[in-house]
């Protein structure tokens, strides 16, 4: 199979029929063998009945329905697990991503040697204040932190080699950082393509300003995980040891200084009257806690089990 098109969605009943016809026309024009995997992330409208209807009309349409809204990352994870195509395309269901970009994205994967190609919505039709400026700041911070030189991390339109999506774990709200996850997994050939951005035709965006706050928090998380996720003791243990040693040496100096003054009949203060004593004590306590955090992190890594992150209620057109 040439292509798997993975489309997470939430309450997009107005756009599904049009999106389906648009994708099918592009697939037929290029004579691709394909599958379209719609992941209904807990929609409360008629999105799932429409997906079922489309799957009966077109055997290339597949559907996964979550019991409730688990988030875009979980939807992509479910779609990636099912994808069979040599190249996997992700796109949003709101008609803001243009299916006519798919042939060029596919060509960049197959003929230009990229592991992943991310879309770049260079010209956007979103609000400048609420979307464009925060997005530019977010992408700048992501480039600086991750080392992946992309202009639009959050673009839903991306293309992957199948082997990439089978070897990355998309969880939490990490869908924004799939290129970073791919890089950390060893897929370094990451490209970018300018794509057309369509103005939203139906409904309203499902994402508010809180996505940028969450995005920056996730960026810190992925920075930490990429460097110390497999060895937390190297960070917490090192800093804990340094702080404990500093505190121990400082308190030792304070105690030795008092003994010296006592021995030489010099004036002295009680150790508990010296503010540096409490600073040293606090430093040792914090150092011990950091060391324990690293130690517990190592234990958790070695004992954790992979848990289900979402629940599927229905599937259509997948072979048993």
Foldseek 3Di string as FASTA:
>chain_A
DAEEEQEEAAAQVPQQVVVVVQLVVLCVVVVHDYAYEYEYQAHPDCPVVVLVVVCVVPLRYKYFYFPHHLADLLSLLVSLVQDDHQKYWFAYRQPQFHSNCVVVQSCCVPPVVAQKEAEDQPDEPDDCVFPVVLQQVLQVVLCVLQVDDDRGLQHRTMMGGSVQSVQFRRDDHCSSPSVSRSVLSPRDRYHYDYGHTDDGDDDDDPDGSVVSVVSVVVSVVSSCCSVPVQQLCVPLVVQLVVLLVVLVVQLVVLVVVVVVCVVVVHDDDDSVVDVSNVVSVVSNVSSVVSNVVRVVSNVCVVPPDDDDSTHTDDMPSRDD
